[in-house]
Amino acid sequence: KRRRTDAPAVGSCGSAELLDVAVIDGAGRVGLPLGLVLAELGHRVRLLDRDSAALETIRKGSLPFLEEKGPDLLTRCLAEFPDRLQISSDYSLVRECTVIIVTVGTPVDEHLNPDFTVVEAGVRALRPFLRDGQTLMLRSPVFPGTAERLAAKLKEEGLDVGVAFCPERLAEGRRVTELREVPQLLAGSSASAP
């Protein structure tokens, strides 16, 4: 569901379109800062994670890791606009979102070779909740060709989901600051993928 506002949206080239966003691994070092910044900008964000202890820590107003400016932003999100930030382990909430951001670590095997199975398994777990018209964004330092391979696989399964890629290249512990200051690169599988 998309809404309009006067505030520019991150990742939409300055348009005023607000999004319903699911952040997978939303309690992690990449997903949580991203979700908080998106909520601050007006987007409705679902932080989805299987780590129930981390989710409870976030609900109580603390971060499960060190992040410059993160605690203040979390406090602000919870106090000033709690309707924009949902914290859950219920992955079925993906159905309500137009954009699903998958944050995974660099997928490599024990020999440091690219390992597509990590990304593939994550998306397979989301598959029951994906629907036509959504955009699946990979926010991870994945190897070249991952987004194209994923888009082809989803298309083979008869699902019309755009696939986008945004490399995760921000400094550990400074993601909140850098998300606000460092330009973010986005590439999509189609014109409809942001």
Protein backbone atom coordinates (compact mmCIF):
# COMPACT_ATOMS: atom_id res chain seq x y z
CA LYS A 1 0.00 0.00 0.00
CA ARG A 2 1.50 3.29 -1.02
CA ARG A 3 0.77 6.65 0.58
CA ARG A 4 1.69 10.20 -0.41
CA THR A 5 3.29 12.92 1.71
CA ASP A 6 5.38 16.04 1.34
CA ALA A 7 8.49 14.36 2.79
CA PRO A 8 10.91 12.80 0.29
CA ALA A 9 11.36 9.04 0.56
CA VAL A 10 14.71 7.28 0.73
CA GLY A 11 15.41 5.22 -2.37
CA SER A 12 12.74 6.83 -4.50
CA CYS A 13 14.79 9.59 -6.15
CA GLY A 14 13.15 12.33 -4.13
CA SER A 15 9.57 11.29 -4.85
CA ALA A 16 7.03 11.74 -2.09
CA GLU A 17 5.86 8.12 -2.14
CA LEU A 18 5.71 6.40 1.23
CA LEU A 19 5.97 2.63 1.36
CA ASP A 20 4.99 -0.33 3.48
CA VAL A 21 8.34 -2.06 4.01
CA ALA A 22 9.37 -5.37 5.59
CA VAL A 23 13.00 -5.61 6.72
CA ILE A 24 14.12 -9.23 6.99
CA ASP A 25 16.72 -9.70 9.74
CA GLY A 26 15.26 -6.48 11.07
CA ALA A 27 16.92 -6.86 14.49
CA GLY A 28 20.37 -7.14 12.94
CA ARG A 29 23.22 -4.70 12.43
CA VAL A 30 22.14 -3.87 8.88
CA GLY A 31 18.35 -4.21 9.10
CA LEU A 32 17.62 -2.35 12.33
CA PRO A 33 19.38 0.94 11.48
CA LEU A 34 17.84 0.85 7.99
CA GLY A 35 14.36 0.21 9.38
CA LEU A 36 14.66 3.01 11.94
CA VAL A 37 15.78 5.55 9.33
CA LEU A 38 12.97 4.51 6.98
CA ALA A 39 10.40 4.87 9.79
CA GLU A 40 11.82 8.27 10.69
CA LEU A 41 11.24 9.33 7.08
CA GLY A 42 7.58 8.33 7.25
CA HIS A 43 7.57 4.81 5.83
CA ARG A 44 5.61 2.09 7.64
CA VAL A 45 8.23 -0.52 8.59
CA ARG A 46 7.96 -4.07 9.85
CA LEU A 47 11.18 -5.26 11.48
CA LEU A 48 11.00 -9.04 11.05
CA ASP A 49 13.45 -11.39 12.73
CA ARG A 50 13.56 -14.87 14.23
CA ASP A 51 15.73 -13.71 17.15
CA SER A 52 13.05 -13.24 19.82
CA ALA A 53 15.55 -12.00 22.44
CA ALA A 54 16.77 -9.23 20.11
CA LEU A 55 13.18 -8.28 19.23
CA GLU A 56 12.29 -8.01 22.92
CA THR A 57 15.36 -5.84 23.55
CA ILE A 58 14.23 -3.51 20.76
CA ARG A 59 10.64 -3.37 22.06
CA LYS A 60 12.06 -2.28 25.44
CA GLY A 61 13.87 0.61 23.74
CA SER A 62 17.42 -0.74 23.54
CA LEU A 63 19.57 -1.89 20.65
CA PRO A 64 21.10 -5.38 20.80
CA PHE A 65 24.43 -3.96 19.52
CA LEU A 66 26.37 -0.70 19.48
CA GLU A 67 25.17 1.87 16.94
CA GLU A 68 26.03 5.56 17.03
CA LYS A 69 22.78 7.59 17.21
CA GLY A 70 20.81 4.32 17.15
CA PRO A 71 19.47 4.39 20.72
CA ASP A 72 18.19 7.96 20.34
CA LEU A 73 16.51 7.16 17.01
CA LEU A 74 14.90 4.00 18.41
CA THR A 75 13.57 5.94 21.40
CA ARG A 76 12.21 8.59 19.07
CA CYS A 77 10.57 6.04 16.76
CA LEU A 78 8.90 4.21 19.66
CA ALA A 79 7.70 7.43 21.33
CA GLU A 80 6.80 9.75 18.44
CA PHE A 81 5.59 7.45 15.67
CA PRO A 82 5.06 3.90 16.97
CA ASP A 83 2.49 3.30 14.22
CA ARG A 84 5.34 3.35 11.67
CA LEU A 85 7.42 0.66 13.39
CA GLN A 86 6.18 -2.88 13.92
CA ILE A 87 8.56 -5.37 15.59
CA SER A 88 7.70 -9.02 14.99
CA SER A 89 8.79 -12.57 14.25
CA ASP A 90 5.66 -13.11 12.11
CA TYR A 91 6.92 -13.32 8.54
CA SER A 92 3.36 -13.43 7.18
CA LEU A 93 3.41 -9.62 7.61
CA VAL A 94 5.40 -9.60 4.35
CA ARG A 95 2.03 -9.96 2.57
CA GLU A 96 1.10 -6.40 3.61
CA CYS A 97 4.27 -4.82 2.20
CA THR A 98 5.15 -3.43 -1.19
CA VAL A 99 8.90 -3.63 -0.55
CA ILE A 100 10.70 -6.48 1.22
CA ILE A 101 14.33 -5.76 2.10
CA VAL A 102 16.42 -8.87 2.73
CA THR A 103 19.57 -8.17 4.73
CA VAL A 104 21.96 -11.11 4.79
CA GLY A 105 25.65 -11.38 5.54
CA THR A 106 28.09 -11.99 2.71
CA PRO A 107 27.09 -15.46 1.52
CA VAL A 108 30.26 -17.54 1.13
CA ASP A 109 31.12 -21.17 1.79
CA GLU A 110 33.91 -22.50 3.99
CA HIS A 111 36.44 -21.74 1.22
CA LEU A 112 35.12 -18.16 0.79
CA ASN A 113 33.52 -19.02 -2.56
CA PRO A 114 30.19 -17.35 -3.37
CA ASP A 115 27.28 -19.36 -1.92
CA PHE A 116 23.90 -18.57 -3.44
CA THR A 117 22.13 -21.11 -1.21
CA VAL A 118 22.05 -18.66 1.75
CA VAL A 119 20.06 -16.07 -0.22
CA GLU A 120 17.98 -18.73 -1.93
CA ALA A 121 17.00 -20.33 1.40
CA GLY A 122 16.03 -16.94 2.83
CA VAL A 123 13.80 -16.13 -0.11
CA ARG A 124 12.34 -19.66 -0.13
CA ALA A 125 11.23 -19.08 3.48
CA LEU A 126 9.49 -15.86 2.35
CA ARG A 127 7.93 -17.43 -0.76
CA PRO A 128 4.55 -18.31 0.85
CA PHE A 129 4.08 -14.64 1.72
CA LEU A 130 5.19 -13.03 -1.56
CA ARG A 131 2.65 -11.79 -4.07
CA ASP A 132 2.67 -10.22 -7.51
CA GLY A 133 3.59 -6.55 -7.62
CA GLN A 134 5.98 -6.54 -4.66
CA THR A 135 9.65 -5.64 -4.83
CA LEU A 136 12.25 -7.81 -3.16
CA MET A 137 15.42 -5.85 -2.41
CA LEU A 138 18.72 -7.49 -1.53
CA ARG A 139 20.67 -5.28 0.86
CA SER A 140 23.82 -7.30 1.15
CA PRO A 141 27.31 -7.60 -0.30
CA VAL A 142 26.20 -10.48 -2.54
CA PHE A 143 28.22 -11.54 -5.57
CA PRO A 144 27.40 -10.37 -9.13
CA GLY A 145 24.45 -12.08 -10.74
CA THR A 146 22.60 -12.90 -7.52
CA ALA A 147 19.70 -10.51 -8.15
CA GLU A 148 19.30 -11.67 -11.76
CA ARG A 149 19.36 -15.33 -10.70
CA LEU A 150 16.78 -14.66 -8.00
CA ALA A 151 14.51 -12.72 -10.38
CA ALA A 152 14.64 -15.57 -12.90
CA LYS A 153 13.84 -18.16 -10.23
CA LEU A 154 10.81 -16.20 -8.98
CA LYS A 155 9.61 -15.71 -12.55
CA GLU A 156 9.95 -19.47 -13.18
CA GLU A 157 7.65 -19.99 -10.21
CA GLY A 158 5.08 -17.68 -11.83
CA LEU A 159 5.61 -14.81 -9.43
CA ASP A 160 5.75 -11.25 -10.80
CA VAL A 161 8.03 -9.72 -8.17
CA GLY A 162 10.59 -7.06 -8.98
CA VAL A 163 14.07 -7.70 -7.64
CA ALA A 164 16.34 -4.83 -6.64
CA PHE A 165 19.86 -4.71 -5.27
CA CYS A 166 21.40 -2.16 -2.93
CA PRO A 167 24.93 -3.02 -1.79
CA GLU A 168 25.48 -2.81 1.96
CA ARG A 169 28.65 -0.76 2.30
CA LEU A 170 28.22 1.27 5.46
CA ALA A 171 30.54 1.36 8.46
CA GLU A 172 29.72 -0.90 11.40
CA GLY A 173 28.25 1.15 14.23
CA ARG A 174 27.72 4.24 12.03
CA ARG A 175 24.91 3.04 9.78
CA VAL A 176 22.26 5.46 11.10
CA THR A 177 24.53 8.42 10.34
CA GLU A 178 25.74 7.07 7.01
CA LEU A 179 22.24 6.15 5.80
CA ARG A 180 21.39 9.83 6.16
CA GLU A 181 24.61 11.12 4.54
CA VAL A 182 26.00 8.58 2.06
CA PRO A 183 24.25 8.22 -1.32
CA GLN A 184 22.75 4.77 -1.75
CA LEU A 185 23.00 2.90 -5.04
CA LEU A 186 19.97 0.95 -6.24
CA ALA A 187 19.54 -1.32 -9.24
CA GLY A 188 16.32 -3.09 -10.20
CA SER A 189 15.27 -5.95 -12.45
CA SER A 190 12.57 -3.79 -14.03
CA ALA A 191 11.28 -0.24 -14.14
CA SER A 192 8.78 -1.10 -11.39
CA ALA A 193 11.49 -2.28 -8.97
CA PRO A 194 12.62 0.84 -7.01
